[in-house]
Amino acid sequence: MLKRETKDDYLSILSSNRNHKVMEKTLKIVSKIENLRKVEKLVDELSCEHNISADIYGNILIAALEAANNAILHGNKLDENKYVNIA
């Protein structure tokens, strides 16, 4: 299943495997600082789905935002022609 949020980013959700229910969410965003909100939204959704405690949620959120921010700023140099993939 693929859910398009804008023409430049997407959230995909894969659920498969006959014996095990597997769910994987990935997010692809354009290298813009304002897209960090989409990363936060993804962490929020995953935290709710998996009943993650507030302490662990905070750690995951900080790590995910820091990694995405570093990719946007340092890796892609704010080049909006480049993407950050989060899986």
C-alpha atoms as a PDB file:
ATOM      1  CA  MET A   1       0.000   0.000   0.000  1.00  0.00           C
ATOM      2  CA  LEU A   2       1.326   3.446  -0.898  1.00  0.00           C
ATOM      3  CA  LYS A   3      -0.045   6.681   0.538  1.00  0.00           C
ATOM      4  CA  ARG A   4       1.065   9.845  -1.216  1.00  0.00           C
ATOM      5  CA  GLU A   5       1.181  13.005   0.896  1.00  0.00           C
ATOM      6  CA  THR A   6       2.624  15.318  -1.753  1.00  0.00           C
ATOM      7  CA  LYS A   7       4.237  14.812  -5.118  1.00  0.00           C
ATOM      8  CA  ASP A   8       7.680  14.879  -3.480  1.00  0.00           C
ATOM      9  CA  ASP A   9       7.275  12.534  -0.533  1.00  0.00           C
ATOM     10  CA  TYR A  10       5.557   9.305   0.330  1.00  0.00           C
ATOM     11  CA  LEU A  11       4.736   6.977   3.142  1.00  0.00           C
ATOM     12  CA  SER A  12       4.577   3.325   2.264  1.00  0.00           C
ATOM     13  CA  ILE A  13       3.190   0.606   4.440  1.00  0.00           C
ATOM     14  CA  LEU A  14       3.966  -3.001   3.626  1.00  0.00           C
ATOM     15  CA  SER A  15       2.143  -5.833   5.306  1.00  0.00           C
ATOM     16  CA  SER A  16       2.838  -9.366   4.197  1.00  0.00           C
ATOM     17  CA  ASN A  17       4.084 -12.843   5.027  1.00  0.00           C
ATOM     18  CA  ARG A  18       1.703 -15.736   5.378  1.00  0.00           C
ATOM     19  CA  ASN A  19       2.900 -16.916   8.791  1.00  0.00           C
ATOM     20  CA  HIS A  20       3.733 -13.613  10.452  1.00  0.00           C
ATOM     21  CA  LYS A  21       2.078 -10.267  10.369  1.00  0.00           C
ATOM     22  CA  VAL A  22       4.878  -7.945   9.306  1.00  0.00           C
ATOM     23  CA  MET A  23       4.468  -4.212   9.082  1.00  0.00           C
ATOM     24  CA  GLU A  24       7.086  -1.851   7.773  1.00  0.00           C
ATOM     25  CA  LYS A  25       6.667   1.847   7.271  1.00  0.00           C
ATOM     26  CA  THR A  26       9.042   3.929   5.224  1.00  0.00           C
ATOM     27  CA  LEU A  27       9.046   7.645   4.580  1.00  0.00           C
ATOM     28  CA  LYS A  28      10.765   9.508   1.755  1.00  0.00           C
ATOM     29  CA  ILE A  29      11.008  13.274   2.164  1.00  0.00           C
ATOM     30  CA  VAL A  30      12.504  16.150   0.208  1.00  0.00           C
ATOM     31  CA  SER A  31      15.544  17.673   1.924  1.00  0.00           C
ATOM     32  CA  LYS A  32      13.746  20.578   3.600  1.00  0.00           C
ATOM     33  CA  ILE A  33      13.868  21.309   7.340  1.00  0.00           C
ATOM     34  CA  GLU A  34      10.074  21.722   7.488  1.00  0.00           C
ATOM     35  CA  ASN A  35       9.719  18.050   6.503  1.00  0.00           C
ATOM     36  CA  LEU A  36      11.005  17.045   9.942  1.00  0.00           C
ATOM     37  CA  ARG A  37       7.344  17.337  11.009  1.00  0.00           C
ATOM     38  CA  LYS A  38       6.613  14.317   8.828  1.00  0.00           C
ATOM     39  CA  VAL A  39       9.314  12.355  10.623  1.00  0.00           C
ATOM     40  CA  GLU A  40       7.740  13.287  13.955  1.00  0.00           C
ATOM     41  CA  LYS A  41       4.331  12.197  12.664  1.00  0.00           C
ATOM     42  CA  LEU A  42       5.750   8.817  11.634  1.00  0.00           C
ATOM     43  CA  VAL A  43       7.325   8.293  15.071  1.00  0.00           C
ATOM     44  CA  ASP A  44       4.020   9.286  16.702  1.00  0.00           C
ATOM     45  CA  GLU A  45       2.085   6.765  14.616  1.00  0.00           C
ATOM     46  CA  LEU A  46       4.533   3.953  15.299  1.00  0.00           C
ATOM     47  CA  SER A  47       4.575   4.740  19.020  1.00  0.00           C
ATOM     48  CA  CYS A  48       0.791   4.551  19.221  1.00  0.00           C
ATOM     49  CA  GLU A  49       0.605   1.345  17.186  1.00  0.00           C
ATOM     50  CA  HIS A  50       3.199  -0.404  19.352  1.00  0.00           C
ATOM     51  CA  ASN A  51       2.241   1.082  22.764  1.00  0.00           C
ATOM     52  CA  ILE A  52       5.687   2.585  23.330  1.00  0.00           C
ATOM     53  CA  SER A  53       6.179   4.256  26.715  1.00  0.00           C
ATOM     54  CA  ALA A  54       6.697   8.016  26.949  1.00  0.00           C
ATOM     55  CA  ASP A  55      10.357   7.648  27.977  1.00  0.00           C
ATOM     56  CA  ILE A  56      11.232   5.413  25.065  1.00  0.00           C
ATOM     57  CA  TYR A  57       9.118   7.512  22.687  1.00  0.00           C
ATOM     58  CA  GLY A  58      11.172  10.596  23.583  1.00  0.00           C
ATOM     59  CA  ASN A  59      14.433   8.806  22.893  1.00  0.00           C
ATOM     60  CA  ILE A  60      13.203   7.444  19.567  1.00  0.00           C
ATOM     61  CA  LEU A  61      11.866  10.851  18.523  1.00  0.00           C
ATOM     62  CA  ILE A  62      15.119  12.657  19.336  1.00  0.00           C
ATOM     63  CA  ALA A  63      17.209  10.042  17.515  1.00  0.00           C
ATOM     64  CA  ALA A  64      14.957  10.031  14.427  1.00  0.00           C
ATOM     65  CA  LEU A  65      14.794  13.829  14.198  1.00  0.00           C
ATOM     66  CA  GLU A  66      18.545  14.193  14.705  1.00  0.00           C
ATOM     67  CA  ALA A  67      19.313  11.596  12.030  1.00  0.00           C
ATOM     68  CA  ALA A  68      16.888  13.151   9.530  1.00  0.00           C
ATOM     69  CA  ASN A  69      18.131  16.672  10.301  1.00  0.00           C
ATOM     70  CA  ASN A  70      21.758  15.597   9.793  1.00  0.00           C
ATOM     71  CA  ALA A  71      20.873  13.924   6.496  1.00  0.00           C
ATOM     72  CA  ILE A  72      19.087  17.066   5.279  1.00  0.00           C
ATOM     73  CA  LEU A  73      21.719  19.572   6.451  1.00  0.00           C
ATOM     74  CA  HIS A  74      25.031  17.770   6.215  1.00  0.00           C
ATOM     75  CA  GLY A  75      24.385  14.932   3.788  1.00  0.00           C
ATOM     76  CA  ASN A  76      22.167  16.667   1.246  1.00  0.00           C
ATOM     77  CA  LYS A  77      23.208  20.276   1.983  1.00  0.00           C
ATOM     78  CA  LEU A  78      19.533  21.389   1.904  1.00  0.00           C
ATOM     79  CA  ASP A  79      19.362  20.429  -1.798  1.00  0.00           C
ATOM     80  CA  GLU A  80      15.635  20.063  -2.495  1.00  0.00           C
ATOM     81  CA  ASN A  81      16.442  17.827  -5.466  1.00  0.00           C
ATOM     82  CA  LYS A  82      17.667  15.201  -2.987  1.00  0.00           C
ATOM     83  CA  TYR A  83      15.626  12.975  -0.684  1.00  0.00           C
ATOM     84  CA  VAL A  84      15.965  11.412   2.742  1.00  0.00           C
ATOM     85  CA  ASN A  85      14.646   7.863   3.109  1.00  0.00           C
ATOM     86  CA  ILE A  86      13.543   6.744   6.550  1.00  0.00           C
ATOM     87  CA  ALA A  87      12.872   3.067   7.133  1.00  0.00           C
END
